[in-house]
């Protein structure tokens, strides 16, 4: 039971780290898009915002 509990905790931590890395990667790409192609990305964002 103790080993199982440790395994579940480490698994949860591992998933959290993966999600955090994915968030950083997506945020970096989002920031890059804003910096590189500002107007184009804004128009795409406005289109998505209007659709929803």
PDB file of N, CA and C in Angstrom:
ATOM      1  N   UNK A   1       0.839  -1.220   0.000  1.00  0.00           N
ATOM      2  CA  UNK A   1       0.000   0.000   0.000  1.00  0.00           C
ATOM      3  C   UNK A   1       0.867   1.261   0.000  1.00  0.00           C
ATOM      4  N   UNK A   2       1.932   1.249   0.770  1.00  0.00           N
ATOM      5  CA  UNK A   2       2.837   2.411   0.847  1.00  0.00           C
ATOM      6  C   UNK A   2       3.514   2.641  -0.506  1.00  0.00           C
ATOM      7  N   UNK A   3       3.983   1.572  -1.126  1.00  0.00           N
ATOM      8  CA  UNK A   3       4.614   1.651  -2.445  1.00  0.00           C
ATOM      9  C   UNK A   3       3.619   2.152  -3.501  1.00  0.00           C
ATOM     10  N   UNK A   4       2.399   1.658  -3.397  1.00  0.00           N
ATOM     11  CA  UNK A   4       1.343   2.063  -4.318  1.00  0.00           C
ATOM     12  C   UNK A   4       1.034   3.551  -4.178  1.00  0.00           C
ATOM     13  N   UNK A   5       0.975   4.007  -2.951  1.00  0.00           N
ATOM     14  CA  UNK A   5       0.707   5.413  -2.653  1.00  0.00           C
ATOM     15  C   UNK A   5       1.816   6.322  -3.208  1.00  0.00           C
ATOM     16  N   UNK A   6       3.038   5.934  -3.029  1.00  0.00           N
ATOM     17  CA  UNK A   6       4.198   6.686  -3.547  1.00  0.00           C
ATOM     18  C   UNK A   6       4.145   6.720  -5.087  1.00  0.00           C
ATOM     19  N   UNK A   7       3.790   5.576  -5.671  1.00  0.00           N
ATOM     20  CA  UNK A   7       3.703   5.478  -7.134  1.00  0.00           C
ATOM     21  C   UNK A   7       2.632   6.414  -7.692  1.00  0.00           C
ATOM     22  N   UNK A   8       1.483   6.460  -7.029  1.00  0.00           N
ATOM     23  CA  UNK A   8       0.397   7.344  -7.487  1.00  0.00           C
ATOM     24  C   UNK A   8       0.802   8.803  -7.343  1.00  0.00           C
ATOM     25  N   UNK A   9       1.453   9.159  -6.263  1.00  0.00           N
ATOM     26  CA  UNK A   9       1.907  10.534  -6.051  1.00  0.00           C
ATOM     27  C   UNK A   9       2.918  10.957  -7.110  1.00  0.00           C
ATOM     28  N   UNK A  10       3.879  10.074  -7.393  1.00  0.00           N
ATOM     29  CA  UNK A  10       4.892  10.375  -8.410  1.00  0.00           C
ATOM     30  C   UNK A  10       4.258  10.471  -9.798  1.00  0.00           C
ATOM     31  N   UNK A  11       3.245   9.630 -10.044  1.00  0.00           N
ATOM     32  CA  UNK A  11       2.533   9.647 -11.313  1.00  0.00           C
ATOM     33  C   UNK A  11       1.805  10.974 -11.488  1.00  0.00           C
ATOM     34  N   UNK A  12       1.145  11.422 -10.434  1.00  0.00           N
ATOM     35  CA  UNK A  12       0.439  12.707 -10.454  1.00  0.00           C
ATOM     36  C   UNK A  12       1.429  13.858 -10.682  1.00  0.00           C
ATOM     37  N   UNK A  13       2.551  13.815 -10.002  1.00  0.00           N
ATOM     38  CA  UNK A  13       3.595  14.838 -10.179  1.00  0.00           C
ATOM     39  C   UNK A  13       4.116  14.844 -11.612  1.00  0.00           C
ATOM     40  N   UNK A  14       4.318  13.643 -12.164  1.00  0.00           N
ATOM     41  CA  UNK A  14       4.820  13.503 -13.530  1.00  0.00           C
ATOM     42  C   UNK A  14       3.844  14.114 -14.536  1.00  0.00           C
ATOM     43  N   UNK A  15       2.556  13.856 -14.355  1.00  0.00           N
ATOM     44  CA  UNK A  15       1.520  14.411 -15.224  1.00  0.00           C
ATOM     45  C   UNK A  15       1.495  15.940 -15.109  1.00  0.00           C
ATOM     46  N   UNK A  16       1.627  16.441 -13.883  1.00  0.00           N
ATOM     47  CA  UNK A  16       1.639  17.886 -13.645  1.00  0.00           C
ATOM     48  C   UNK A  16       2.826  18.547 -14.348  1.00  0.00           C
ATOM     49  N   UNK A  17       3.978  17.920 -14.267  1.00  0.00           N
ATOM     50  CA  UNK A  17       5.187  18.430 -14.936  1.00  0.00           C
ATOM     51  C   UNK A  17       4.991  18.441 -16.454  1.00  0.00           C
ATOM     52  N   UNK A  18       4.404  17.370 -16.987  1.00  0.00           N
ATOM     53  CA  UNK A  18       4.128  17.295 -18.419  1.00  0.00           C
ATOM     54  C   UNK A  18       3.177  18.398 -18.871  1.00  0.00           C
ATOM     55  N   UNK A  19       2.119  18.592 -18.073  1.00  0.00           N
ATOM     56  CA  UNK A  19       1.160  19.661 -18.390  1.00  0.00           C
ATOM     57  C   UNK A  19       1.813  21.035 -18.326  1.00  0.00           C
ATOM     58  N   UNK A  20       2.685  21.229 -17.347  1.00  0.00           N
ATOM     59  CA  UNK A  20       3.383  22.501 -17.186  1.00  0.00           C
ATOM     60  C   UNK A  20       4.313  22.772 -18.368  1.00  0.00           C
ATOM     61  N   UNK A  21       5.034  21.741 -18.801  1.00  0.00           N
ATOM     62  CA  UNK A  21       5.915  21.871 -19.964  1.00  0.00           C
ATOM     63  C   UNK A  21       5.125  22.163 -21.233  1.00  0.00           C
ATOM     64  N   UNK A  22       3.990  21.468 -21.375  1.00  0.00           N
ATOM     65  CA  UNK A  22       3.120  21.696 -22.526  1.00  0.00           C
ATOM     66  C   UNK A  22       2.580  23.129 -22.523  1.00  0.00           C
ATOM     67  N   UNK A  23       2.215  23.614 -21.332  1.00  0.00           N
ATOM     68  CA  UNK A  23       1.728  24.988 -21.184  1.00  0.00           C
ATOM     69  C   UNK A  23       2.806  26.004 -21.559  1.00  0.00           C
ATOM     70  N   UNK A  24       4.022  25.770 -21.093  1.00  0.00           N
ATOM     71  CA  UNK A  24       5.142  26.659 -21.425  1.00  0.00           C
ATOM     72  C   UNK A  24       5.409  26.683 -22.927  1.00  0.00           C
ATOM     73  N   UNK A  25       5.370  25.502 -23.544  1.00  0.00           N
ATOM     74  CA  UNK A  25       5.607  25.379 -24.984  1.00  0.00           C
ATOM     75  C   UNK A  25       4.540  26.114 -25.785  1.00  0.00           C
ATOM     76  N   UNK A  26       3.279  25.903 -25.425  1.00  0.00           N
ATOM     77  CA  UNK A  26       2.175  26.552 -26.132  1.00  0.00           C
ATOM     78  C   UNK A  26       2.191  28.066 -25.915  1.00  0.00           C
ATOM     79  N   UNK A  27       2.530  28.487 -24.676  1.00  0.00           N
ATOM     80  CA  UNK A  27       2.633  29.919 -24.382  1.00  0.00           C
ATOM     81  C   UNK A  27       3.762  30.560 -25.184  1.00  0.00           C
ATOM     82  N   UNK A  28       4.883  29.855 -25.306  1.00  0.00           N
ATOM     83  CA  UNK A  28       6.019  30.352 -26.080  1.00  0.00           C
ATOM     84  C   UNK A  28       5.642  30.506 -27.550  1.00  0.00           C
ATOM     85  N   UNK A  29       4.919  29.521 -28.078  1.00  0.00           N
ATOM     86  CA  UNK A  29       4.467  29.587 -29.478  1.00  0.00           C
ATOM     87  C   UNK A  29       3.477  30.723 -29.672  1.00  0.00           C
ATOM     88  N   UNK A  30       2.577  30.884 -28.713  1.00  0.00           N
ATOM     89  CA  UNK A  30       1.583  31.957 -28.750  1.00  0.00           C
ATOM     90  C   UNK A  30       2.266  33.319 -28.730  1.00  0.00           C
ATOM     91  N   UNK A  31       3.256  33.475 -27.849  1.00  0.00           N
ATOM     92  CA  UNK A  31       4.022  34.720 -27.735  1.00  0.00           C
ATOM     93  C   UNK A  31       4.802  34.995 -29.019  1.00  0.00           C
ATOM     94  N   UNK A  32       5.383  33.920 -29.579  1.00  0.00           N
ATOM     95  CA  UNK A  32       6.138  34.043 -30.832  1.00  0.00           C
ATOM     96  C   UNK A  32       5.233  34.505 -31.967  1.00  0.00           C
ATOM     97  N   UNK A  33       4.028  33.963 -32.022  1.00  0.00           N
ATOM     98  CA  UNK A  33       3.068  34.350 -33.060  1.00  0.00           C
ATOM     99  C   UNK A  33       2.678  35.825 -32.922  1.00  0.00           C
ATOM    100  N   UNK A  34       2.503  36.274 -31.700  1.00  0.00           N
ATOM    101  CA  UNK A  34       2.164  37.683 -31.458  1.00  0.00           C
ATOM    102  C   UNK A  34       3.324  38.581 -31.904  1.00  0.00           C
ATOM    103  N   UNK A  35       4.542  38.167 -31.589  1.00  0.00           N
ATOM    104  CA  UNK A  35       5.712  38.978 -31.934  1.00  0.00           C
ATOM    105  C   UNK A  35       5.966  38.998 -33.441  1.00  0.00           C
ATOM    106  N   UNK A  36       5.898  37.834 -34.073  1.00  0.00           N
ATOM    107  CA  UNK A  36       6.284  37.704 -35.469  1.00  0.00           C
ATOM    108  C   UNK A  36       5.209  38.201 -36.438  1.00  0.00           C
ATOM    109  N   UNK A  37       3.992  37.676 -36.281  1.00  0.00           N
ATOM    110  CA  UNK A  37       2.907  38.052 -37.188  1.00  0.00           C
ATOM    111  C   UNK A  37       1.725  38.562 -36.369  1.00  0.00           C
ATOM    112  N   UNK A  38       1.843  39.792 -35.950  1.00  0.00           N
ATOM    113  CA  UNK A  38       0.892  40.389 -35.010  1.00  0.00           C
ATOM    114  C   UNK A  38      -0.505  40.521 -35.613  1.00  0.00           C
ATOM    115  N   UNK A  39      -0.583  41.180 -36.748  1.00  0.00           N
ATOM    116  CA  UNK A  39      -1.879  41.472 -37.369  1.00  0.00           C
ATOM    117  C   UNK A  39      -2.589  40.200 -37.833  1.00  0.00           C
ATOM    118  N   UNK A  40      -1.825  39.280 -38.419  1.00  0.00           N
ATOM    119  CA  UNK A  40      -2.390  38.020 -38.912  1.00  0.00           C
ATOM    120  C   UNK A  40      -2.956  37.196 -37.755  1.00  0.00           C
ATOM    121  N   UNK A  41      -2.203  37.106 -36.676  1.00  0.00           N
ATOM    122  CA  UNK A  41      -2.634  36.321 -35.521  1.00  0.00           C
ATOM    123  C   UNK A  41      -3.841  36.956 -34.844  1.00  0.00           C
ATOM    124  N   UNK A  42      -3.850  38.290 -34.806  1.00  0.00           N
ATOM    125  CA  UNK A  42      -4.987  39.012 -34.232  1.00  0.00           C
ATOM    126  C   UNK A  42      -6.263  38.749 -35.023  1.00  0.00           C
ATOM    127  N   UNK A  43      -6.146  38.729 -36.347  1.00  0.00           N
ATOM    128  CA  UNK A  43      -7.316  38.469 -37.196  1.00  0.00           C
ATOM    129  C   UNK A  43      -7.836  37.048 -37.007  1.00  0.00           C
ATOM    130  N   UNK A  44      -6.920  36.089 -36.870  1.00  0.00           N
ATOM    131  CA  UNK A  44      -7.303  34.690 -36.602  1.00  0.00           C
ATOM    132  C   UNK A  44      -7.989  34.598 -35.235  1.00  0.00           C
ATOM    133  N   UNK A  45      -7.421  35.268 -34.252  1.00  0.00           N
ATOM    134  CA  UNK A  45      -7.984  35.262 -32.899  1.00  0.00           C
ATOM    135  C   UNK A  45      -9.372  35.897 -32.875  1.00  0.00           C
ATOM    136  N   UNK A  46      -9.514  36.995 -33.588  1.00  0.00           N
ATOM    137  CA  UNK A  46     -10.819  37.668 -33.687  1.00  0.00           C
ATOM    138  C   UNK A  46     -11.849  36.790 -34.386  1.00  0.00           C
ATOM    139  N   UNK A  47     -11.406  36.050 -35.402  1.00  0.00           N
ATOM    140  CA  UNK A  47     -12.277  35.120 -36.128  1.00  0.00           C
ATOM    141  C   UNK A  47     -12.778  34.000 -35.219  1.00  0.00           C
ATOM    142  N   UNK A  48     -11.859  33.440 -34.428  1.00  0.00           N
ATOM    143  CA  UNK A  48     -12.211  32.388 -33.455  1.00  0.00           C
ATOM    144  C   UNK A  48     -13.141  32.959 -32.379  1.00  0.00           C
ATOM    145  N   UNK A  49     -12.840  34.154 -31.929  1.00  0.00           N
ATOM    146  CA  UNK A  49     -13.643  34.812 -30.891  1.00  0.00           C
ATOM    147  C   UNK A  49     -15.057  35.107 -31.402  1.00  0.00           C
ATOM    148  N   UNK A  50     -15.158  35.512 -32.659  1.00  0.00           N
ATOM    149  CA  UNK A  50     -16.464  35.797 -33.264  1.00  0.00           C
ATOM    150  C   UNK A  50     -17.280  34.510 -33.453  1.00  0.00           C
ATOM    151  N   UNK A  51     -16.583  33.417 -33.776  1.00  0.00           N
ATOM    152  CA  UNK A  51     -17.247  32.121 -33.986  1.00  0.00           C
ATOM    153  C   UNK A  51     -17.848  31.572 -32.695  1.00  0.00           C
ATOM    154  N   UNK A  52     -17.134  31.736 -31.591  1.00  0.00           N
ATOM    155  CA  UNK A  52     -17.571  31.169 -30.312  1.00  0.00           C
ATOM    156  C   UNK A  52     -18.688  31.969 -29.649  1.00  0.00           C
TER     157      UNK A  52
END
